[in-house]
Protein backbone atom coordinates (compact mmCIF):
# COMPACT_ATOMS: atom_id res chain seq x y z
CA MET A 1 0.89 11.34 8.44
CA ILE A 2 -1.47 10.39 5.65
CA LYS A 3 -1.87 13.01 2.92
CA THR A 4 -2.97 10.78 0.07
CA MET A 5 -5.34 7.80 0.13
CA THR A 6 -6.60 5.87 -2.89
CA LEU A 7 -9.24 3.17 -3.24
CA SER A 8 -11.34 4.39 -0.31
CA GLU A 9 -14.87 3.08 -0.01
CA LYS A 10 -18.17 5.00 0.25
CA THR A 11 -18.34 7.90 2.69
CA LEU A 12 -19.53 6.85 6.11
CA THR A 13 -21.84 8.49 8.62
CA ALA A 14 -21.64 8.34 12.40
CA LYS A 15 -24.59 5.93 12.24
CA ASP A 16 -22.58 3.51 10.02
CA ILE A 17 -19.80 3.49 12.61
CA LYS A 18 -22.23 2.95 15.51
CA GLU A 19 -23.71 -0.02 13.62
CA ALA A 20 -20.24 -1.52 13.10
CA GLU A 21 -19.41 -1.02 16.78
CA ALA A 22 -22.67 -2.73 17.73
CA LYS A 23 -21.89 -5.72 15.52
CA LEU A 24 -18.48 -6.05 17.17
CA ASN A 25 -19.82 -5.10 20.63
CA LEU A 26 -16.90 -2.69 20.95
CA ILE A 27 -16.36 1.08 20.95
CA PHE A 28 -13.76 2.64 18.63
CA PRO A 29 -11.46 5.47 19.78
CA THR A 30 -12.54 8.89 18.52
CA SER A 31 -9.41 9.22 16.39
CA TYR A 32 -10.19 5.95 14.59
CA LYS A 33 -13.82 6.99 14.06
CA ASN A 34 -12.62 10.29 12.56
CA PHE A 35 -10.22 8.38 10.28
CA LEU A 36 -13.05 6.17 9.06
CA LEU A 37 -15.30 9.18 8.45
CA LYS A 38 -12.52 10.86 6.45
CA PHE A 39 -11.19 7.90 4.43
CA ASN A 40 -13.20 4.67 5.10
CA GLY A 41 -10.24 2.46 4.22
CA GLY A 42 -7.97 2.63 1.23
CA SER A 43 -4.33 2.51 0.25
CA PRO A 44 -2.13 5.27 1.64
CA GLU A 45 0.82 6.75 -0.21
CA GLU A 46 2.42 7.22 3.22
CA CYS A 47 2.34 3.49 3.89
CA ALA A 48 5.59 2.60 5.65
CA VAL A 49 6.01 2.36 9.42
CA ASP A 50 9.01 1.42 11.53
CA PHE A 51 8.63 -0.46 14.82
CA ASP A 52 10.50 -2.82 17.08
CA GLY A 53 9.75 -6.22 15.60
CA ASN A 54 12.93 -7.98 16.74
CA LYS A 55 11.08 -11.11 17.86
CA LEU A 56 9.58 -11.34 14.34
CA LYS A 57 12.93 -10.45 12.74
CA ILE A 58 11.57 -7.26 11.13
CA GLN A 59 11.95 -3.56 11.83
CA GLY A 60 8.75 -2.38 10.20
CA ASP A 61 6.39 -3.02 7.33
CA ASP A 62 4.07 -1.22 4.95
CA ILE A 63 0.31 -0.96 4.66
CA LYS A 64 -1.29 -2.36 1.56
CA CYS A 65 -4.69 -1.10 2.62
CA PHE A 66 -6.67 0.10 5.62
CA PHE A 67 -9.87 -1.81 6.20
CA ASN A 68 -13.23 -0.14 5.69
CA ILE A 69 -16.80 -0.41 6.90
CA GLY A 70 -19.44 -1.61 4.44
CA GLY A 71 -17.16 -2.13 1.45
CA LYS A 72 -15.63 -5.27 -0.02
CA LYS A 73 -15.84 -8.06 2.56
CA THR A 74 -12.15 -8.94 2.20
CA TYR A 75 -11.24 -5.53 3.63
CA ASP A 76 -14.24 -4.86 5.87
CA VAL A 77 -13.32 -4.31 9.56
CA VAL A 78 -16.39 -6.11 10.87
CA HIS A 79 -16.33 -9.04 8.46
CA LYS A 80 -12.57 -9.62 8.92
CA SER A 81 -12.66 -9.26 12.72
CA LEU A 82 -15.59 -11.68 13.06
CA SER A 83 -14.16 -14.16 10.56
CA LYS A 84 -12.80 -17.46 11.80
CA ASP A 85 -9.79 -17.27 9.46
CA PHE A 86 -7.54 -15.90 12.20
CA ILE A 87 -7.86 -16.13 15.96
CA LEU A 88 -7.42 -12.74 17.59
CA PRO A 89 -7.36 -11.92 21.27
CA ASP A 90 -10.77 -10.79 22.54
CA GLY A 91 -11.36 -7.07 22.01
CA VAL A 92 -8.82 -6.72 19.20
CA ILE A 93 -9.79 -5.92 15.58
CA PHE A 94 -8.09 -5.88 12.18
CA ILE A 95 -7.52 -2.37 10.80
CA ALA A 96 -5.05 -2.86 7.95
CA SER A 97 -3.23 -5.47 5.89
CA THR A 98 0.31 -5.50 4.51
CA HIS A 99 1.63 -6.58 1.11
CA THR A 100 2.91 -9.76 2.79
CA SER A 101 -0.53 -10.70 4.20
CA ASN A 102 0.23 -9.62 7.75
CA PHE A 103 -1.97 -7.26 9.74
CA PHE A 104 -2.16 -4.16 11.90
CA LEU A 105 -4.54 -4.51 14.81
CA LEU A 106 -6.35 -2.08 17.10
CA SER A 107 -6.99 -3.02 20.70
CA LEU A 108 -10.33 -2.03 22.15
CA ARG A 109 -9.66 -3.83 25.44
CA SER A 110 -9.55 -1.97 28.73
CA ASP A 111 -5.93 -3.06 29.37
CA SER A 112 -4.64 -1.64 26.05
CA TYR A 113 -7.41 0.54 24.64
CA GLY A 114 -6.37 2.30 21.44
CA GLU A 115 -2.97 0.63 21.12
CA ILE A 116 -1.81 -0.62 17.74
CA PHE A 117 -0.22 -4.06 17.21
CA TYR A 118 1.28 -5.95 14.30
CA LYS A 119 0.42 -9.60 13.66
CA ASP A 120 2.53 -11.92 11.51
CA HIS A 121 0.23 -14.54 9.99
CA GLU A 122 2.98 -17.21 9.79
CA PHE A 123 3.53 -17.63 13.54
CA GLU A 124 1.55 -20.02 15.70
CA ASP A 125 0.62 -18.50 19.02
CA THR A 126 0.89 -20.30 22.35
CA SER A 127 1.39 -17.28 24.64
CA PRO A 128 -1.46 -15.21 26.05
CA PHE A 129 -2.27 -11.56 25.22
CA ILE A 130 -1.60 -9.52 28.37
CA PRO A 131 -0.29 -6.19 27.04
CA LYS A 132 -0.21 -4.36 30.37
CA GLU A 133 2.34 -6.98 31.52
CA SER A 134 4.18 -6.88 28.17
CA VAL A 135 3.15 -10.48 27.45
CA LEU A 136 2.16 -10.91 23.80
CA PRO A 137 1.61 -13.96 21.61
CA GLU A 138 4.52 -15.02 19.41
CA SER A 139 2.94 -13.45 16.30
CA ILE A 140 2.19 -10.02 17.79
CA VAL A 141 4.34 -6.96 18.58
CA LYS A 142 3.27 -3.53 19.76
CA VAL A 143 3.61 -0.75 17.19
CA ALA A 144 2.12 2.36 18.79
CA ASN A 145 0.44 3.59 21.98
CA SER A 146 -2.47 5.10 20.05
CA PHE A 147 -4.05 5.30 16.63
CA GLU A 148 -2.92 8.95 16.40
CA GLU A 149 0.69 7.94 17.11
CA PHE A 150 0.44 5.18 14.51
CA ILE A 151 -0.91 7.49 11.77
CA ALA A 152 1.69 10.15 12.63
CA SER A 153 4.49 7.60 12.21
CA LEU A 154 3.53 6.63 8.63
CA TYR A 155 5.80 7.86 5.85
CA ASP A 156 6.25 7.57 2.11
CA PRO A 157 8.95 4.91 1.53
CA ASP A 158 9.97 6.60 -1.74
CA GLU A 159 10.97 9.85 0.00
């Protein structure tokens, strides 16, 4: 659970979030909207998360920063998700980056709405993204069933 967040961007309004959703043509889960309204990105002290990443040969990672809306383009949810730098499955957005340049993703697709995934930037994908059948590209593993579950699983690695 996040208690401390640094480097957050300007405070958002519900209108700012609606505009971001419109640009992406997607609707965010209420828990993610509330998170953006409270923090709008930033670096959490409680940054570590464990997950089953056997196929990527990892057991977890840490968050360098959560992406924001309307802040620096490098860490802006809309800018990053619409960028051509990385190919994401349709209906999936970037929500955070790691210290090793990997990413946490939020699915806004009907078959996996609200689920959190981890993407390793060094893998080339050839497999499709069909989460309801447990078929994921080589670079992606599931981390949590919901944004709330994901946030609740974060912990301070120094404790």
